[in-house]
Amino acid sequence: MKFFPADAIESSSHRWSLAARFLQSSPLRHTTFRWLWLGGLGSFLGTWIHNVAVRWTAATVSTSPLAVSSVDTLQILPVVLLSLTAGSLADSIDRRRLLVTTHVSLTAITLTMGILAVSGRLGLPSLLVLTAIIGALGALNGPAWQATVPRQVPDEEVTGAVALISTSFNVARTLGPTIGAWVLLSFGIAAAFFFNAASYLAIGLVMWRLPPQPPSRVRRGSLASPLTDHSLRRFYVVVLLFGLFAMPCLSLLPIIARDALHGSAFTYGTLLSAFGIGAACTGLFISSMSRKLGYTRFVALTCLTSASGLALLTVSQRPLIAALGAAVCGMGWIGTISTSNAAVNTRSRAEVRGRALSFYLLFAIGGQAGGSFLAGWMAQQFGVMPVLRACMLLLVFLALGVFKLSVHTEEAPSGSSFSLEQVASSAIAGED
């Protein structure tokens, strides 16, 4: 008697062979990075579950829409205010010690939130204060994390490492809200906070096992602002403009689901999941494609990809087409953000890498925040679809400008430099 058919065994062996081949050729084959990646995935999931709990708590203890929106403000504002300070700190002290300290502190704060929730004493004032502290600790943690984790692999694999980290974030963004809702319904709000505390503690323990990461020896003239480095400055302006033009895809997605598709919260969740799936799938191929095309040409391609996704959203009257458009937007999003991050990581000097990445975070988050606000204001004035069409055209101009500059400078895969002024002027004159 054959308990396992031969074709089933062969198919299973083939799948395992593909998985083993991928592991051997990806940055995950490096043990330290693999543990950090797994810890990061757990921490990202914990963060999204925590966000669901915080927003729901704010909505239950207060009827004010301002109170609920203040939760997101208190999470984002510290990044804008503290990112440059955090970058200087990451370059001045042992990054491992900084990361361990912030994660232990985050564990203590989220445990406190869980204990207050269990005792029924988590009111709006304590919720907002503790959320602000978490935002500040996250801001201090950001540049050190960005500078440390991808550097656990060789330089030629940094792009793949950054892409895998972005993929894990998008997987968490896709699954986290659903898991968070289930945790709240099944175990209560406190369980979500305790889960997040455990995820912070886990990644903190992984960080503790890293070798010391002392600041690099400073060379004369090396502490100049990363903004003076042309090879970094171009990627700062790209992520700034990309955030302004591409963020409407995410910020206006609920309105597209409600008005264009006449759907419900489930429709919006489906579109958001499609965005995450597109980003997660693309993350597996970013490293090899960016090596073949070069950073700048690949960024031009991913900007054009995002424009294609917006084009699909503007003509979508069926959920399937809209989901496809959201997935394509996710592909362009992770390609641009991950490649720009990897370019800054590999091209910045070790002694100022924390500062270089803090500028990257400031420009990226600033562009996204500005794009979200402008998209909402313009959509209120002119309608959602005209705004999406305008952003689509602006992304096309940005892609043409970046590609024109990459051809003009004859960029090799390792890249070459162009200035802030060149990016802006070429994006405007991209059709010439």
Protein backbone atom coordinates (compact mmCIF):
# COMPACT_ATOMS: atom_id res chain seq x y z
CA MET A 1 0.00 0.00 0.00
CA LYS A 2 1.31 3.49 -0.94
CA PHE A 3 0.66 5.91 1.83
CA PHE A 4 2.30 8.80 -0.09
CA PRO A 5 1.93 8.92 -3.89
CA ALA A 6 5.17 9.34 -5.80
CA ASP A 7 4.07 12.58 -7.47
CA ALA A 8 3.14 14.10 -4.10
CA ILE A 9 6.56 13.19 -2.68
CA GLU A 10 8.28 14.62 -5.75
CA SER A 11 6.25 17.84 -5.55
CA SER A 12 7.01 18.21 -1.85
CA SER A 13 10.72 17.60 -2.45
CA HIS A 14 10.71 20.22 -5.20
CA ARG A 15 9.15 22.82 -2.89
CA TRP A 16 11.68 22.09 -0.17
CA SER A 17 14.46 22.34 -2.77
CA LEU A 18 13.24 25.78 -3.89
CA ALA A 19 12.99 26.95 -0.27
CA ALA A 20 16.50 25.70 0.50
CA ARG A 21 17.86 27.36 -2.65
CA PHE A 22 16.24 30.66 -1.69
CA LEU A 23 17.63 30.46 1.86
CA GLN A 24 21.13 29.75 0.57
CA SER A 25 21.08 32.69 -1.83
CA SER A 26 19.41 35.25 0.46
CA PRO A 27 20.76 37.27 3.39
CA LEU A 28 18.80 34.94 5.68
CA ARG A 29 21.62 32.41 5.38
CA HIS A 30 23.59 34.61 7.79
CA THR A 31 22.64 33.39 11.25
CA THR A 32 22.81 36.76 13.04
CA PHE A 33 20.70 38.52 10.43
CA ARG A 34 18.21 35.63 10.37
CA TRP A 35 17.60 35.93 14.11
CA LEU A 36 17.31 39.71 13.87
CA TRP A 37 14.88 39.36 10.97
CA LEU A 38 12.71 36.89 12.88
CA GLY A 39 12.80 39.10 15.97
CA GLY A 40 11.93 42.12 13.85
CA LEU A 41 8.97 40.29 12.30
CA GLY A 42 7.66 39.45 15.76
CA SER A 43 8.19 43.03 16.90
CA PHE A 44 6.40 44.44 13.85
CA LEU A 45 3.46 42.12 14.50
CA GLY A 46 3.42 43.18 18.14
CA THR A 47 3.42 46.84 17.11
CA TRP A 48 0.43 46.46 14.77
CA ILE A 49 -1.49 44.48 17.39
CA HIS A 50 -0.60 47.17 19.94
CA ASN A 51 -1.83 49.91 17.56
CA VAL A 52 -5.21 48.21 17.25
CA ALA A 53 -5.49 48.04 21.03
CA VAL A 54 -4.43 51.67 21.56
CA ARG A 55 -6.86 53.06 18.97
CA TRP A 56 -9.72 50.95 20.30
CA THR A 57 -8.95 51.98 23.86
CA ALA A 58 -8.94 55.65 22.86
CA ALA A 59 -12.29 55.17 21.09
CA THR A 60 -13.83 53.48 24.14
CA VAL A 61 -12.64 55.90 26.84
CA SER A 62 -13.45 59.02 24.80
CA THR A 63 -16.03 60.02 22.21
CA SER A 64 -13.78 62.72 20.73
CA PRO A 65 -12.39 62.07 17.22
CA LEU A 66 -9.45 64.29 18.19
CA ALA A 67 -8.53 61.88 20.99
CA VAL A 68 -8.36 58.94 18.58
CA SER A 69 -6.36 60.86 15.98
CA SER A 70 -4.00 62.11 18.69
CA VAL A 71 -2.77 58.54 19.15
CA ASP A 72 -1.32 58.50 15.64
CA THR A 73 0.06 62.02 16.03
CA LEU A 74 1.91 61.08 19.21
CA GLN A 75 3.47 58.10 17.43
CA ILE A 76 4.67 60.05 14.37
CA LEU A 77 5.57 63.47 15.84
CA PRO A 78 8.53 62.20 17.95
CA VAL A 79 10.13 60.73 14.80
CA VAL A 80 10.04 64.15 13.14
CA LEU A 81 11.29 65.98 16.25
CA LEU A 82 13.92 63.49 17.45
CA SER A 83 15.22 61.69 14.35
CA LEU A 84 18.28 63.94 13.85
CA THR A 85 19.15 63.76 17.56
CA ALA A 86 18.70 59.99 17.43
CA GLY A 87 21.04 59.81 14.44
CA SER A 88 23.76 61.71 16.27
CA LEU A 89 23.27 59.47 19.30
CA ALA A 90 23.58 56.34 17.14
CA ASP A 91 26.94 57.60 15.85
CA SER A 92 28.24 58.62 19.29
CA ILE A 93 27.69 55.54 21.49
CA ASP A 94 27.60 51.76 21.23
CA ARG A 95 24.58 51.06 19.00
CA ARG A 96 23.97 47.67 20.60
CA ARG A 97 23.73 49.27 24.05
CA LEU A 98 21.35 51.91 22.68
CA LEU A 99 19.13 49.28 21.03
CA VAL A 100 19.03 47.07 24.12
CA THR A 101 18.23 50.06 26.35
CA THR A 102 15.38 51.28 24.15
CA HIS A 103 13.85 47.82 23.82
CA VAL A 104 14.02 47.16 27.56
CA SER A 105 12.36 50.54 28.13
CA LEU A 106 9.69 49.75 25.53
CA THR A 107 9.06 46.43 27.26
CA ALA A 108 8.56 48.22 30.60
CA ILE A 109 6.19 50.82 29.14
CA THR A 110 3.99 48.30 27.32
CA LEU A 111 3.90 46.09 30.42
CA THR A 112 2.71 49.12 32.36
CA MET A 113 -0.06 49.68 29.82
CA GLY A 114 -1.10 46.04 30.15
CA ILE A 115 -1.19 46.21 33.94
CA LEU A 116 -3.21 49.44 33.86
CA ALA A 117 -5.64 47.85 31.39
CA VAL A 118 -6.09 44.79 33.62
CA SER A 119 -6.78 46.98 36.65
CA GLY A 120 -9.18 49.21 34.69
CA ARG A 121 -7.09 52.34 35.26
CA LEU A 122 -5.94 52.98 31.68
CA GLY A 123 -7.70 56.28 31.02
CA LEU A 124 -7.15 58.72 28.18
CA PRO A 125 -4.45 60.86 29.89
CA SER A 126 -2.29 57.84 30.83
CA LEU A 127 -2.88 56.29 27.39
CA LEU A 128 -1.68 59.40 25.57
CA VAL A 129 1.32 59.97 27.86
CA LEU A 130 2.52 56.36 27.54
CA THR A 131 1.93 56.44 23.77
CA ALA A 132 4.07 59.58 23.52
CA ILE A 133 6.87 57.87 25.49
CA ILE A 134 6.69 54.85 23.19
CA GLY A 135 6.87 57.19 20.18
CA ALA A 136 9.94 58.93 21.60
CA LEU A 137 11.71 55.63 22.37
CA GLY A 138 10.87 54.38 18.90
CA ALA A 139 12.32 57.54 17.38
CA LEU A 140 15.56 57.10 19.36
CA ASN A 141 15.69 53.46 18.30
CA GLY A 142 15.12 54.03 14.56
CA PRO A 143 18.49 55.20 13.17
CA ALA A 144 20.46 52.73 15.31
CA TRP A 145 18.24 49.86 14.11
CA GLN A 146 18.54 50.97 10.48
CA ALA A 147 22.32 51.27 10.78
CA THR A 148 22.89 47.99 12.63
CA VAL A 149 20.60 45.26 11.31
CA PRO A 150 21.35 45.39 7.55
CA ARG A 151 25.08 45.63 8.30
CA GLN A 152 25.09 42.05 9.57
CA VAL A 153 25.52 40.96 5.93
CA PRO A 154 28.18 41.82 3.31
CA ASP A 155 27.83 45.14 1.45
CA GLU A 156 26.60 43.49 -1.74
CA GLU A 157 23.68 41.94 0.19
CA VAL A 158 22.53 45.04 2.08
CA THR A 159 19.84 45.81 -0.50
CA GLY A 160 18.40 42.32 -0.08
CA ALA A 161 18.58 42.62 3.71
CA VAL A 162 16.72 45.95 3.69
CA ALA A 163 14.13 44.50 1.29
CA LEU A 164 13.57 41.50 3.57
CA ILE A 165 13.08 43.80 6.56
CA SER A 166 10.58 45.85 4.55
CA THR A 167 8.86 42.63 3.50
CA SER A 168 8.50 41.52 7.11
CA PHE A 169 7.03 44.93 7.96
CA ASN A 170 4.47 44.62 5.16
CA VAL A 171 3.60 41.06 6.19
CA ALA A 172 3.01 42.37 9.70
CA ARG A 173 0.96 45.27 8.33
CA THR A 174 -1.17 42.78 6.39
CA LEU A 175 -1.70 40.30 9.23
CA GLY A 176 -1.28 42.45 12.34
CA PRO A 177 -4.63 44.31 12.38
CA THR A 178 -6.56 41.07 11.85
CA ILE A 179 -4.61 39.28 14.58
CA GLY A 180 -5.01 42.32 16.81
CA ALA A 181 -8.78 42.34 16.41
CA TRP A 182 -8.87 38.62 17.22
CA VAL A 183 -6.68 39.12 20.33
CA LEU A 184 -8.95 41.94 21.55
CA LEU A 185 -12.09 39.88 21.02
CA SER A 186 -10.70 36.67 22.50
CA PHE A 187 -8.46 37.83 25.35
CA GLY A 188 -9.03 41.54 25.91
CA ILE A 189 -7.04 44.74 25.43
CA ALA A 190 -4.42 43.91 28.07
CA ALA A 191 -3.37 40.77 26.16
CA ALA A 192 -2.44 42.90 23.14
CA PHE A 193 -0.15 45.05 25.30
CA PHE A 194 1.43 41.99 26.92
CA PHE A 195 2.05 40.42 23.51
CA ASN A 196 3.80 43.57 22.33
CA ALA A 197 5.88 43.66 25.52
CA ALA A 198 6.99 40.08 24.87
CA SER A 199 7.94 40.95 21.27
CA TYR A 200 10.05 43.91 22.47
CA LEU A 201 11.76 41.73 25.06
CA ALA A 202 12.51 39.04 22.47
CA ILE A 203 14.18 41.40 20.01
CA GLY A 204 16.02 43.05 22.90
CA LEU A 205 17.50 39.68 23.88
CA VAL A 206 18.60 39.09 20.29
CA MET A 207 20.26 42.53 20.28
CA TRP A 208 21.97 41.75 23.58
CA ARG A 209 23.66 38.74 21.95
CA LEU A 210 25.21 40.90 19.24
CA PRO A 211 28.87 41.87 19.59
CA PRO A 212 29.46 45.45 20.75
CA GLN A 213 28.83 48.09 18.07
CA PRO A 214 31.13 50.95 19.18
CA PRO A 215 31.17 54.21 17.21
CA SER A 216 33.65 54.24 14.34
CA ARG A 217 36.80 56.30 14.65
CA VAL A 218 36.11 59.77 13.32
CA ARG A 219 38.16 60.95 10.36
CA ARG A 220 38.94 64.62 9.71
CA GLY A 221 36.04 66.27 7.92
CA SER A 222 33.84 63.19 8.23
CA LEU A 223 31.26 64.84 10.50
CA ALA A 224 29.97 67.14 7.77
CA SER A 225 26.20 66.95 7.31
CA PRO A 226 25.08 64.05 5.10
CA LEU A 227 23.15 66.70 3.15
CA THR A 228 26.46 67.79 1.63
CA ASP A 229 26.96 64.33 0.09
CA HIS A 230 25.48 64.35 -3.43
CA SER A 231 25.22 60.55 -3.58
CA LEU A 232 23.00 60.60 -0.46
CA ARG A 233 21.14 63.81 -1.16
CA ARG A 234 19.56 62.51 -4.35
CA PHE A 235 17.92 59.64 -2.48
CA TYR A 236 16.69 61.99 0.24
CA VAL A 237 14.86 64.08 -2.35
CA VAL A 238 13.56 60.99 -4.14
CA VAL A 239 11.93 59.57 -0.99
CA LEU A 240 10.58 63.04 -0.15
CA LEU A 241 8.95 63.48 -3.58
CA PHE A 242 7.87 59.85 -3.72
CA GLY A 243 6.15 60.19 -0.33
CA LEU A 244 4.34 63.31 -1.50
CA PHE A 245 3.13 61.70 -4.74
CA ALA A 246 2.59 58.05 -3.70
CA MET A 247 1.16 58.39 -0.19
CA PRO A 248 -2.34 59.27 -1.51
CA CYS A 249 -2.65 55.64 -2.58
CA LEU A 250 -2.73 54.63 1.09
CA SER A 251 -4.35 57.67 2.67
CA LEU A 252 -7.26 57.75 0.19
CA LEU A 253 -7.74 53.98 0.04
CA PRO A 254 -10.65 53.95 2.54
CA ILE A 255 -12.50 56.55 0.45
CA ILE A 256 -11.89 54.55 -2.72
CA ALA A 257 -13.34 51.47 -1.02
CA ARG A 258 -16.36 53.39 0.27
CA ASP A 259 -17.24 55.68 -2.65
CA ALA A 260 -15.75 54.23 -5.85
CA LEU A 261 -16.42 50.58 -4.99
CA HIS A 262 -19.44 51.15 -2.71
CA GLY A 263 -17.87 48.71 -0.29
CA SER A 264 -17.50 48.26 3.45
CA ALA A 265 -14.68 47.98 5.95
CA PHE A 266 -14.06 44.49 4.56
CA THR A 267 -13.44 46.01 1.11
CA TYR A 268 -10.93 48.44 2.59
CA GLY A 269 -9.22 45.62 4.47
CA THR A 270 -8.98 43.62 1.25
CA LEU A 271 -7.35 46.53 -0.60
CA LEU A 272 -4.92 47.12 2.26
CA SER A 273 -4.03 43.41 2.29
CA ALA A 274 -3.48 43.51 -1.48
CA PHE A 275 -1.06 46.41 -1.01
CA GLY A 276 0.85 44.41 1.61
CA ILE A 277 0.90 41.26 -0.51
CA GLY A 278 2.27 43.15 -3.51
CA ALA A 279 4.98 44.68 -1.34
CA ALA A 280 5.86 41.38 0.35
CA CYS A 281 6.17 39.45 -2.94
CA THR A 282 8.30 42.14 -4.57
CA GLY A 283 10.68 42.27 -1.63
CA LEU A 284 12.06 38.87 -2.62
CA PHE A 285 13.41 40.19 -5.94
CA ILE A 286 14.60 43.70 -5.11
CA SER A 287 18.21 42.77 -4.37
CA SER A 288 18.91 40.99 -7.67
CA MET A 289 17.05 43.55 -9.81
CA SER A 290 18.71 46.57 -8.21
CA ARG A 291 22.12 44.97 -8.74
CA LYS A 292 21.37 44.45 -12.44
CA LEU A 293 19.88 47.88 -13.11
CA GLY A 294 21.69 50.03 -10.56
CA TYR A 295 20.02 51.83 -7.69
CA THR A 296 18.90 54.89 -9.67
CA ARG A 297 17.47 53.10 -12.70
CA PHE A 298 15.66 50.66 -10.44
CA VAL A 299 14.13 53.53 -8.43
CA ALA A 300 12.95 55.08 -11.71
CA LEU A 301 11.29 51.75 -12.57
CA THR A 302 9.59 51.45 -9.17
CA CYS A 303 8.27 55.03 -9.37
CA LEU A 304 6.76 54.12 -12.73
CA THR A 305 5.30 50.98 -11.15
CA SER A 306 3.56 53.07 -8.50
CA ALA A 307 2.17 55.33 -11.23
CA SER A 308 0.77 52.23 -12.97
CA GLY A 309 -0.93 51.15 -9.75
CA LEU A 310 -2.54 54.57 -9.35
CA ALA A 311 -3.72 54.37 -12.98
CA LEU A 312 -5.51 51.10 -12.19
CA LEU A 313 -7.12 52.64 -9.10
CA THR A 314 -8.43 55.59 -11.07
CA VAL A 315 -10.33 53.34 -13.50
CA SER A 316 -11.38 50.67 -11.01
CA GLN A 317 -15.08 50.09 -10.57
CA ARG A 318 -14.69 46.51 -9.41
CA PRO A 319 -12.91 45.30 -6.28
CA LEU A 320 -10.68 42.91 -8.24
CA ILE A 321 -9.22 45.69 -10.42
CA ALA A 322 -8.82 47.94 -7.39
CA ALA A 323 -7.05 45.16 -5.49
CA LEU A 324 -4.70 44.67 -8.45
CA GLY A 325 -4.00 48.41 -8.48
CA ALA A 326 -3.29 48.40 -4.74
CA ALA A 327 -0.94 45.42 -5.15
CA VAL A 328 0.97 47.20 -7.93
CA CYS A 329 1.21 50.31 -5.73
CA GLY A 330 2.65 48.09 -2.99
CA MET A 331 5.24 46.75 -5.42
CA GLY A 332 6.37 50.25 -6.36
CA TRP A 333 6.28 51.41 -2.74
CA ILE A 334 8.60 48.76 -1.32
CA GLY A 335 10.91 48.99 -4.34
CA THR A 336 11.45 52.73 -3.96
CA ILE A 337 11.63 52.86 -0.17
CA SER A 338 13.84 49.77 0.26
CA THR A 339 16.25 50.64 -2.53
CA SER A 340 16.66 54.23 -1.35
CA ASN A 341 17.23 52.98 2.21
CA ALA A 342 19.85 50.49 1.01
CA ALA A 343 21.58 53.16 -1.08
CA VAL A 344 21.89 55.49 1.92
CA ASN A 345 23.04 52.58 4.12
CA THR A 346 25.79 51.43 1.76
CA ARG A 347 27.00 54.85 0.59
CA SER A 348 27.24 56.59 3.95
CA ARG A 349 30.46 56.44 5.93
CA ALA A 350 30.37 54.28 9.05
CA GLU A 351 31.06 57.18 11.43
CA VAL A 352 28.02 59.16 10.20
CA ARG A 353 25.72 56.33 9.14
CA GLY A 354 23.29 56.95 11.98
CA ARG A 355 22.96 60.61 10.98
CA ALA A 356 22.64 59.72 7.30
CA LEU A 357 19.78 57.33 8.08
CA SER A 358 18.13 59.82 10.42
CA PHE A 359 17.95 62.29 7.52
CA TYR A 360 16.52 59.50 5.38
CA LEU A 361 13.81 58.80 7.97
CA LEU A 362 13.07 62.52 8.32
CA PHE A 363 12.64 63.01 4.55
CA ALA A 364 10.70 59.77 4.07
CA ILE A 365 8.25 60.32 6.94
CA GLY A 366 7.99 64.04 6.21
CA GLY A 367 7.09 63.32 2.58
CA GLN A 368 4.52 60.72 3.57
CA ALA A 369 2.94 62.97 6.20
CA GLY A 370 2.85 65.89 3.78
CA GLY A 371 1.47 63.72 0.99
CA SER A 372 -1.27 62.38 3.22
CA PHE A 373 -2.32 65.85 4.36
CA LEU A 374 -2.21 67.39 0.88
CA ALA A 375 -4.09 64.44 -0.62
CA GLY A 376 -6.89 64.81 1.91
CA TRP A 377 -7.13 68.58 1.43
CA MET A 378 -7.03 68.40 -2.38
CA ALA A 379 -9.49 65.49 -2.48
CA GLN A 380 -11.90 67.59 -0.44
CA GLN A 381 -11.54 70.43 -2.96
CA PHE A 382 -11.39 68.56 -6.27
CA GLY A 383 -12.41 64.93 -5.61
CA VAL A 384 -10.45 61.72 -5.08
CA MET A 385 -9.98 60.57 -8.68
CA PRO A 386 -8.54 63.89 -9.98
CA VAL A 387 -6.02 63.84 -7.12
CA LEU A 388 -5.00 60.26 -7.94
CA ARG A 389 -4.59 61.15 -11.62
CA ALA A 390 -2.44 64.16 -10.73
CA CYS A 391 -0.25 62.02 -8.45
CA MET A 392 0.05 59.42 -11.21
CA LEU A 393 1.38 62.06 -13.63
CA LEU A 394 3.76 63.47 -11.02
CA LEU A 395 5.16 59.99 -10.38
CA VAL A 396 5.68 59.55 -14.14
CA PHE A 397 7.59 62.85 -14.26
CA LEU A 398 9.65 61.78 -11.24
CA ALA A 399 10.46 58.42 -12.87
CA LEU A 400 11.44 60.10 -16.15
CA GLY A 401 13.58 62.65 -14.33
CA VAL A 402 15.45 60.05 -12.30
CA PHE A 403 15.92 57.81 -15.34
CA LYS A 404 17.16 60.74 -17.43
CA LEU A 405 19.75 61.54 -14.79
CA SER A 406 20.85 57.90 -14.54
CA VAL A 407 21.43 57.83 -18.30
CA HIS A 408 23.11 61.25 -18.25
CA THR A 409 25.57 60.14 -15.56
CA GLU A 410 25.95 56.65 -17.11
CA GLU A 411 25.29 55.08 -13.74
CA ALA A 412 26.91 51.73 -13.08
CA PRO A 413 25.19 49.33 -10.69
CA SER A 414 27.09 50.91 -7.83
CA GLY A 415 25.66 54.32 -8.76
CA SER A 416 26.90 57.85 -9.20
CA SER A 417 25.87 61.19 -7.86
CA PHE A 418 23.57 64.01 -8.83
CA SER A 419 22.41 67.00 -6.89
CA LEU A 420 19.19 68.06 -5.24
CA GLU A 421 18.69 70.72 -7.87
CA GLN A 422 19.24 68.21 -10.69
CA VAL A 423 16.58 65.87 -9.33
CA ALA A 424 13.98 68.59 -9.09
CA SER A 425 14.75 70.11 -12.48
CA SER A 426 14.89 66.75 -14.25
CA ALA A 427 11.62 65.64 -12.67
CA ILE A 428 9.97 68.80 -13.97
CA ALA A 429 11.58 68.50 -17.40
CA GLY A 430 11.17 64.73 -17.63
CA GLU A 431 9.21 64.85 -20.88
CA ASP A 432 11.83 66.86 -22.79
